[in-house]
Every structure is written in structure tokens, then in C-alpha cells.
Protein backbone atom coordinates (compact mmCIF):
# COMPACT_ATOMS: atom_id res chain seq x y z
CA UNK A 1 0.00 0.00 0.00
CA UNK A 2 1.06 3.64 -0.27
CA UNK A 3 0.71 6.34 2.33
CA UNK A 4 0.03 9.70 0.68
CA UNK A 5 1.16 12.54 2.92
CA UNK A 6 -0.63 15.86 3.02
CA UNK A 7 0.89 18.71 1.06
CA UNK A 8 3.44 20.40 3.30
CA UNK A 9 3.80 17.42 5.65
CA UNK A 10 6.86 17.84 7.88
CA UNK A 11 9.94 15.65 7.95
CA UNK A 12 8.97 14.53 11.46
CA UNK A 13 5.54 13.40 10.26
CA UNK A 14 7.08 11.45 7.38
CA UNK A 15 9.59 9.83 9.75
CA UNK A 16 6.81 8.85 12.13
CA UNK A 17 4.97 7.08 9.29
CA UNK A 18 8.18 5.26 8.32
CA UNK A 19 8.64 4.06 11.90
CA UNK A 20 5.02 2.94 12.10
CA UNK A 21 5.33 0.98 8.85
CA UNK A 22 8.41 -0.85 10.12
CA UNK A 23 6.70 -1.58 13.45
CA UNK A 24 4.00 -3.34 11.43
CA UNK A 25 6.64 -5.65 9.94
CA UNK A 26 6.65 -3.92 6.54
CA UNK A 27 9.40 -2.18 4.58
CA UNK A 28 9.16 1.52 3.83
CA UNK A 29 10.26 3.39 0.74
CA UNK A 30 9.98 7.18 0.50
CA UNK A 31 9.20 8.87 -2.82
CA UNK A 32 9.47 12.66 -2.80
CA UNK A 33 7.33 14.28 -5.49
CA UNK A 34 7.07 17.87 -6.64
CA UNK A 35 3.94 18.50 -4.58
CA UNK A 36 3.82 15.84 -1.87
CA UNK A 37 5.61 12.88 -0.39
CA UNK A 38 4.47 9.27 -0.71
CA UNK A 39 5.66 6.43 1.53
CA UNK A 40 5.30 2.91 0.16
CA UNK A 41 4.66 0.10 2.65
CA UNK A 42 5.97 -3.12 1.14
CA UNK A 43 5.57 -6.71 2.25
CA UNK A 44 2.89 -9.28 3.04
CA UNK A 45 -0.56 -7.94 3.78
CA UNK A 46 -1.08 -7.16 7.50
CA UNK A 47 -4.55 -7.05 9.04
CA UNK A 48 -5.33 -3.61 10.37
CA UNK A 49 -2.26 -1.99 8.78
CA UNK A 50 -4.26 0.37 6.57
CA UNK A 51 -6.34 1.65 9.49
CA UNK A 52 -3.26 2.02 11.69
CA UNK A 53 -1.46 4.15 9.14
CA UNK A 54 -4.47 6.31 8.26
CA UNK A 55 -4.51 7.80 11.76
CA UNK A 56 -0.96 9.14 11.50
CA UNK A 57 -0.36 12.87 11.71
CA UNK A 58 0.14 14.43 8.28
CA UNK A 59 -1.38 11.45 6.43
CA UNK A 60 -3.91 12.32 3.73
CA UNK A 61 -4.88 8.80 2.69
CA UNK A 62 -3.68 5.20 2.44
CA UNK A 63 -4.21 3.47 -0.90
CA UNK A 64 -3.72 -0.25 -1.69
CA UNK A 65 -1.34 -1.01 -4.57
CA UNK A 66 -3.17 -3.28 -6.99
CA UNK A 67 -0.30 -4.07 -9.37
CA UNK A 68 1.89 -7.07 -8.44
CA UNK A 69 4.97 -4.88 -9.07
CA UNK A 70 4.79 -2.35 -6.25
CA UNK A 71 7.77 -0.03 -6.65
CA UNK A 72 7.69 0.04 -10.45
CA UNK A 73 4.01 0.94 -10.66
CA UNK A 74 2.61 4.36 -11.50
CA UNK A 75 0.32 3.81 -8.53
CA UNK A 76 3.34 4.50 -6.32
CA UNK A 77 5.02 7.19 -8.44
CA UNK A 78 3.15 9.04 -11.15
CA UNK A 79 6.03 11.27 -12.21
CA UNK A 80 8.35 9.65 -14.79
CA UNK A 81 11.78 8.66 -13.51
CA UNK A 82 14.82 10.06 -15.28
CA UNK A 83 18.15 8.23 -15.13
CA UNK A 84 21.14 10.56 -15.41
CA UNK A 85 24.75 9.37 -15.66
CA UNK A 86 27.51 11.75 -16.73
CA UNK A 87 26.04 13.44 -19.81
CA UNK A 88 23.50 10.69 -20.46
CA UNK A 89 19.86 11.57 -19.70
CA UNK A 90 17.13 8.97 -20.19
CA UNK A 91 13.51 9.92 -19.56
CA UNK A 92 11.35 13.00 -18.99
CA UNK A 93 11.60 14.18 -22.58
CA UNK A 94 15.29 13.35 -22.98
CA UNK A 95 16.25 10.54 -25.37
CA UNK A 96 19.52 8.93 -24.34
CA UNK A 97 21.47 7.01 -26.97
CA UNK A 98 23.92 4.25 -26.04
CA UNK A 99 25.83 2.93 -29.03
CA UNK A 100 28.88 0.81 -29.71
CA UNK A 101 30.06 -2.65 -30.71
CA UNK A 102 28.59 -5.90 -29.52
CA UNK A 103 32.03 -6.85 -28.17
CA UNK A 104 35.12 -4.89 -27.24
CA UNK A 105 37.72 -6.40 -29.57
CA UNK A 106 40.78 -4.14 -29.40
CA UNK A 107 42.05 -0.76 -28.26
CA UNK A 108 41.90 0.65 -31.79
CA UNK A 109 38.37 -0.65 -32.40
CA UNK A 110 36.76 0.69 -29.22
CA UNK A 111 38.48 4.08 -29.40
CA UNK A 112 37.45 4.54 -33.03
CA UNK A 113 33.84 3.62 -32.24
CA UNK A 114 33.80 5.84 -29.14
CA UNK A 115 34.81 8.87 -31.23
CA UNK A 116 32.06 8.12 -33.75
CA UNK A 117 29.49 7.70 -30.96
CA UNK A 118 30.56 10.98 -29.34
CA UNK A 119 30.53 12.94 -32.60
CA UNK A 120 27.03 11.67 -33.46
CA UNK A 121 25.55 13.25 -30.33
CA UNK A 122 25.13 10.06 -28.29
CA UNK A 123 26.08 10.14 -24.63
CA UNK A 124 26.63 6.46 -23.83
CA UNK A 125 29.09 3.86 -25.11
CA UNK A 126 27.89 0.25 -25.06
CA UNK A 127 30.29 -2.63 -25.44
CA UNK A 128 30.54 -6.18 -24.15
CA UNK A 129 33.53 -7.29 -22.08
CA UNK A 130 31.86 -10.47 -20.80
CA UNK A 131 29.82 -12.04 -23.59
CA UNK A 132 27.11 -14.66 -22.94
CA UNK A 133 27.08 -16.70 -26.15
CA UNK A 134 24.80 -19.56 -27.19
CA UNK A 135 27.78 -21.62 -28.30
CA UNK A 136 30.58 -22.26 -25.79
CA UNK A 137 33.02 -22.09 -28.71
CA UNK A 138 32.10 -18.52 -29.71
CA UNK A 139 34.11 -15.46 -28.65
CA UNK A 140 33.42 -14.87 -24.95
CA UNK A 141 34.84 -11.36 -24.66
CA UNK A 142 38.08 -9.83 -23.37
CA UNK A 143 36.74 -9.76 -19.81
CA UNK A 144 38.69 -7.38 -17.51
CA UNK A 145 40.92 -6.25 -20.37
CA UNK A 146 37.75 -5.23 -22.20
CA UNK A 147 36.59 -3.28 -19.15
CA UNK A 148 39.92 -1.46 -19.04
CA UNK A 149 39.55 -0.49 -22.70
CA UNK A 150 36.03 0.81 -22.07
CA UNK A 151 37.34 2.93 -19.21
CA UNK A 152 40.05 4.29 -21.51
CA UNK A 153 37.41 5.21 -24.10
CA UNK A 154 35.44 7.03 -21.39
CA UNK A 155 38.57 8.91 -20.34
CA UNK A 156 39.08 10.15 -23.90
CA UNK A 157 35.44 10.96 -24.74
CA UNK A 158 33.49 11.47 -21.49
CA UNK A 159 30.87 8.93 -22.59
CA UNK A 160 28.98 6.93 -19.96
CA UNK A 161 29.95 3.25 -20.14
CA UNK A 162 27.22 0.58 -20.39
CA UNK A 163 28.34 -3.02 -20.20
CA UNK A 164 26.83 -6.35 -19.23
CA UNK A 165 27.35 -8.10 -15.92
CA UNK A 166 26.69 -11.83 -16.14
CA UNK A 167 26.96 -13.08 -12.56
CA UNK A 168 26.50 -11.75 -9.04
CA UNK A 169 30.17 -12.33 -8.25
CA UNK A 170 31.16 -10.14 -11.23
CA UNK A 171 29.28 -7.06 -9.98
CA UNK A 172 32.13 -5.53 -7.90
CA UNK A 173 34.59 -5.95 -10.78
CA UNK A 174 32.32 -4.52 -13.48
CA UNK A 175 31.16 -1.71 -11.19
CA UNK A 176 34.78 -0.50 -10.86
CA UNK A 177 34.87 0.30 -14.57
CA UNK A 178 31.30 0.87 -15.78
CA UNK A 179 28.78 3.66 -15.23
CA UNK A 180 25.71 1.51 -15.93
CA UNK A 181 25.33 -2.21 -15.29
CA UNK A 182 23.43 -4.05 -18.00
CA UNK A 183 21.52 -7.17 -17.01
CA UNK A 184 21.07 -9.11 -20.23
CA UNK A 185 17.97 -10.89 -21.54
CA UNK A 186 19.29 -14.31 -20.49
CA UNK A 187 19.66 -13.07 -16.91
CA UNK A 188 16.40 -11.15 -16.57
CA UNK A 189 15.16 -13.70 -14.02
CA UNK A 190 18.50 -14.32 -12.35
CA UNK A 191 17.17 -12.98 -9.06
CA UNK A 192 20.41 -13.17 -7.03
CA UNK A 193 22.14 -11.15 -9.76
CA UNK A 194 19.31 -8.58 -9.82
CA UNK A 195 19.54 -8.09 -6.05
CA UNK A 196 23.33 -7.76 -5.97
CA UNK A 197 23.28 -5.38 -8.94
CA UNK A 198 20.62 -3.30 -7.21
CA UNK A 199 22.60 -3.20 -3.97
CA UNK A 200 25.58 -1.77 -5.87
CA UNK A 201 23.63 1.50 -6.10
CA UNK A 202 24.61 1.88 -9.75
CA UNK A 203 22.13 2.60 -12.57
CA UNK A 204 20.82 -0.64 -14.09
CA UNK A 205 19.73 -1.34 -17.65
CA UNK A 206 17.42 -4.36 -17.48
CA UNK A 207 16.73 -6.18 -20.75
CA UNK A 208 13.51 -8.08 -21.31
CA UNK A 209 13.85 -11.84 -21.60
CA UNK A 210 12.94 -13.26 -25.03
CA UNK A 211 9.88 -15.06 -23.65
CA UNK A 212 9.01 -12.82 -20.70
CA UNK A 213 5.58 -11.29 -20.20
CA UNK A 214 5.22 -7.65 -19.18
CA UNK A 215 4.40 -8.64 -15.59
CA UNK A 216 7.49 -10.87 -15.43
CA UNK A 217 9.60 -8.04 -16.85
CA UNK A 218 8.33 -5.53 -14.30
CA UNK A 219 8.61 -7.99 -11.42
CA UNK A 220 12.25 -8.53 -12.39
CA UNK A 221 12.73 -4.76 -12.14
CA UNK A 222 11.05 -4.95 -8.73
CA UNK A 223 13.92 -7.10 -7.44
CA UNK A 224 16.26 -4.20 -8.16
CA UNK A 225 13.93 -1.47 -6.92
CA UNK A 226 13.28 -3.19 -3.59
CA UNK A 227 16.97 -2.76 -2.71
CA UNK A 228 16.34 0.99 -2.69
CA UNK A 229 17.99 1.53 -6.07
CA UNK A 230 15.57 3.60 -8.18
CA UNK A 231 17.92 4.12 -11.15
CA UNK A 232 16.46 1.43 -13.39
CA UNK A 233 15.91 1.49 -17.15
CA UNK A 234 13.77 -1.09 -18.92
CA UNK A 235 15.05 -2.26 -22.31
CA UNK A 236 12.79 -3.82 -24.93
CA UNK A 237 15.04 -5.96 -27.14
CA UNK A 238 12.54 -8.23 -28.86
CA UNK A 239 10.82 -11.50 -28.00
CA UNK A 240 10.79 -14.98 -29.47
CA UNK A 241 7.80 -15.72 -31.73
CA UNK A 242 6.99 -18.07 -34.61
CA UNK A 243 8.42 -15.54 -37.09
CA UNK A 244 11.80 -16.26 -38.63
CA UNK A 245 12.27 -13.29 -40.96
CA UNK A 246 13.99 -11.46 -38.10
CA UNK A 247 16.18 -12.69 -35.25
CA UNK A 248 13.48 -11.66 -32.74
CA UNK A 249 10.15 -9.84 -33.00
CA UNK A 250 10.40 -6.24 -31.79
CA UNK A 251 7.01 -5.33 -30.21
CA UNK A 252 7.06 -1.55 -30.07
CA UNK A 253 3.58 -1.51 -28.53
CA UNK A 254 5.39 -2.40 -25.30
CA UNK A 255 6.80 1.16 -25.16
CA UNK A 256 3.49 3.04 -24.67
CA UNK A 257 2.15 0.15 -22.58
CA UNK A 258 5.07 0.40 -20.18
CA UNK A 259 4.66 4.16 -19.99
CA UNK A 260 1.07 3.58 -18.88
CA UNK A 261 2.01 1.08 -16.18
CA UNK A 262 5.42 2.16 -14.85
CA UNK A 263 7.34 5.34 -14.13
CA UNK A 264 10.62 3.77 -15.27
CA UNK A 265 12.21 4.96 -18.54
CA UNK A 266 11.98 2.63 -21.54
CA UNK A 267 14.89 1.97 -23.88
CA UNK A 268 14.63 0.09 -27.18
CA UNK A 269 17.36 -2.07 -28.74
CA UNK A 270 16.54 -2.38 -32.46
CA UNK A 271 19.81 -4.23 -33.15
CA UNK A 272 18.90 -7.33 -31.15
CA UNK A 273 15.21 -6.73 -31.80
CA UNK A 274 15.64 -7.34 -35.53
CA UNK A 275 19.06 -8.97 -35.91
CA UNK A 276 19.42 -7.39 -39.35
CA UNK A 277 21.41 -4.23 -39.99
CA UNK A 278 19.10 -3.28 -42.86
CA UNK A 279 16.16 -2.96 -40.42
CA UNK A 280 17.87 -1.26 -37.48
CA UNK A 281 17.64 2.37 -38.62
CA UNK A 282 13.95 2.15 -39.49
CA UNK A 283 13.06 0.50 -36.19
CA UNK A 284 15.16 3.03 -34.25
CA UNK A 285 13.12 5.83 -35.81
CA UNK A 286 9.90 3.93 -35.11
CA UNK A 287 10.96 3.47 -31.47
CA UNK A 288 11.39 7.23 -31.06
CA UNK A 289 7.96 7.78 -32.64
CA UNK A 290 6.47 5.24 -30.20
CA UNK A 291 7.85 7.23 -27.26
CA UNK A 292 11.09 5.43 -26.35
CA UNK A 293 13.24 7.25 -23.79
CA UNK A 294 16.44 5.78 -25.15
CA UNK A 295 18.10 3.64 -27.80
CA UNK A 296 20.80 0.96 -27.76
CA UNK A 297 22.40 0.55 -31.16
CA UNK A 298 25.25 -1.67 -32.29
CA UNK A 299 27.85 -0.19 -34.63
CA UNK A 300 31.17 -1.53 -35.88
CA UNK A 301 33.88 -0.03 -38.12
CA UNK A 302 33.88 -3.21 -40.23
CA UNK A 303 30.84 -5.41 -39.48
CA UNK A 304 32.08 -8.21 -41.75
CA UNK A 305 35.07 -8.71 -39.45
CA UNK A 306 33.20 -8.34 -36.15
CA UNK A 307 33.86 -11.12 -33.64
CA UNK A 308 30.19 -11.20 -32.63
CA UNK A 309 26.84 -10.14 -34.15
CA UNK A 310 28.33 -8.29 -37.11
CA UNK A 311 25.18 -9.02 -39.14
CA UNK A 312 23.16 -6.60 -36.98
CA UNK A 313 25.78 -3.85 -36.56
CA UNK A 314 25.52 -0.58 -38.48
CA UNK A 315 28.50 0.88 -40.30
CA UNK A 316 29.56 4.35 -39.10
CA UNK A 317 27.91 5.94 -42.15
CA UNK A 318 24.58 4.21 -41.61
CA UNK A 319 24.73 4.95 -37.89
CA UNK A 320 25.18 8.69 -38.46
CA UNK A 321 22.31 8.61 -40.93
CA UNK A 322 20.09 6.80 -38.42
CA UNK A 323 20.91 9.32 -35.70
CA UNK A 324 19.99 12.21 -37.98
CA UNK A 325 16.63 10.60 -38.81
CA UNK A 326 15.89 9.87 -35.13
CA UNK A 327 16.74 13.45 -34.21
CA UNK A 328 14.32 14.77 -36.83
CA UNK A 329 11.47 12.70 -35.37
CA UNK A 330 12.41 13.57 -31.78
CA UNK A 331 12.42 17.29 -32.58
CA UNK A 332 9.03 17.03 -34.28
CA UNK A 333 7.65 15.44 -31.10
CA UNK A 334 9.15 18.12 -28.85
CA UNK A 335 11.77 15.83 -27.31
CA UNK A 336 15.52 16.26 -26.91
CA UNK A 337 18.43 14.29 -28.35
CA UNK A 338 22.13 15.08 -28.18
CA UNK A 339 23.44 17.22 -31.01
CA UNK A 340 26.32 16.05 -33.22
CA UNK A 341 29.72 17.65 -32.79
CA UNK A 342 32.31 18.60 -35.37
CA UNK A 343 35.15 16.04 -35.39
């Protein structure tokens, strides 16, 4: 349930409600809005809890949360959440772009891509150091060396680093180098990983599993949010269907649906969502038109020689073209994207 405080409620009144919630065996989570403060009471239903909290000084009303995902729901927080890391802004009218190669392959490769990403107006550099691959014989990433190269690229460009963490025990290592921890589609329901990633306090990019429902997706986000970490971005990267003309099916209807049900920003990954470079630009533009708060796009200087997923990576030329088209749509809709810089 949520305890809605009266406008102008004092800090002492809010603290009293928090103490009362915890006395009832529930967990409290404070959300400060522009007009009033809301305190969420989380946990198993307690008989008489609603009535006990309603009598508190400064309390306006107590409202049950109907959605199974408590912290992610707009019932708890109606104002959209914005995630801000370095120059990257995702949400509340700002479209954050995170672009880069599927895998960090070499110093020359990642620095070249980082410069292209920066010049295009994007604010985030994506790149895999630890790579979960279907085949155990495929390239698995450079691991810590890859993280070091990402940090070097950040030092030279100022871009926020987004990279995947695959296991709970990897979180401290990846957190030393990255700005945003990505939890990949295969790990969306790896609950120990979600909790440890949340406890790191770092922004989290959570990708939807290829067969996950919306409720499962949002409940996975809830595992992170319940640690007290509110810096969570949801990433739609396509689901598995009977279709085989694309690698996955990219359901862009999930973008407005998520905006109706959660305050968390929504990012779209058209590279994994289609698996075909020829479709990425068009679906990136469509994602912006559908209301996406951010994009994740794979680019590579020479996709034919990429060590992983080259078939879905844009060339630098096509990437710049896609960014220009996305910016045109964003501007028409009154939203903001980073402006390109002169190399």
C-alpha cells in the first residue's frame, strides 16, 4: 500500500509514518514528489495496517497497490523517472542514446567507435567485455581487459559506459569500470544477480527476456527497486515468436504500454530486436515515434570482421544517418536528443 502525505507534511511526520510501517513488519520506501511525499509500505498484507497508518499525523490517505509490481508501478510514483549518468539523460523528454560494438575487440576498435558515438551526439558507449554466447566455442569477450579499454574510451570521450554483468560475483569488478550495469535478456530472471546489482547502487539497464511477459519483466525490475535503487531502465530488445524473418520480434507496442504502467524509462534495442542491420535504422526511428526514452544501437567499423553479431551492426555511415533521422522525429515530437559535434 502507499501512504500519501498531506501537502506540506513535515519531515517529522514522514519519519513517524516510516517508523510505524516498520513496526508493522513492513518495509518503507519514500518517494518525494514535486507537490507531496508518498511512503510505500511493502511486504505481506497485514490485518489492520491500513487503518493504523491512516490515523498518522500528516497522512492524507492510504491506498492499496493493486499491481503485483509495487515499486515500479505508476500507482506508487506518477512522475516519470529520469536516469542521469555523466552526460546521459534517459527519460522526462530526454532521449539517451547508447551505441557501440557488440564486443570490445581491441584498443583501436573501441576508441574509433567511441569517437564516432561521441561525434554523433550520443552520450553512452555500449560494449561487451563479458559475452554470454549460445555456443561455448564462440568469442566470450576480453573480460577485464575489455573493461579497461572501455574505461580508456570514457577517459578520452566522457561517454557513460554501459556493459553487461553476467553473474552476481562479477558485480564488484564490473562496477569498478562501468557507469551503468546491463543485465542481459538471459539473466532477466537471475534474481540473485538482480539483487546484488541493485545493492551496488549503480544505474541498471534491465533487458527483457525473449519469452518474458510484461508482468514478469516488471517484477524482475522490482527485485532491483526493492533494494532501494531507483535508477532502473527497462530495455525492450525483442521477443521470441513463430516468425523467422527477423532474429526476434520487436514489439514496439510495449513502449506506450510500459509508460502507462510504470514510471521507469523505456529503452529500445533495435539491433537485437531485428538482428538485421538493414532494419535497425527504421526501427530506431519507429521506437522514437512510439515514445522510447532511449536507444541501444550496435555499430562496428567493419561489421564483416566483427567477432560477434556483425550481421546486426551498423556501419559508421549508416549509424550517423540513423541518428539524424531519429533526431528529426524527436524534434518534431518536442523531445531532446544530443546534437552532433564537429570532429
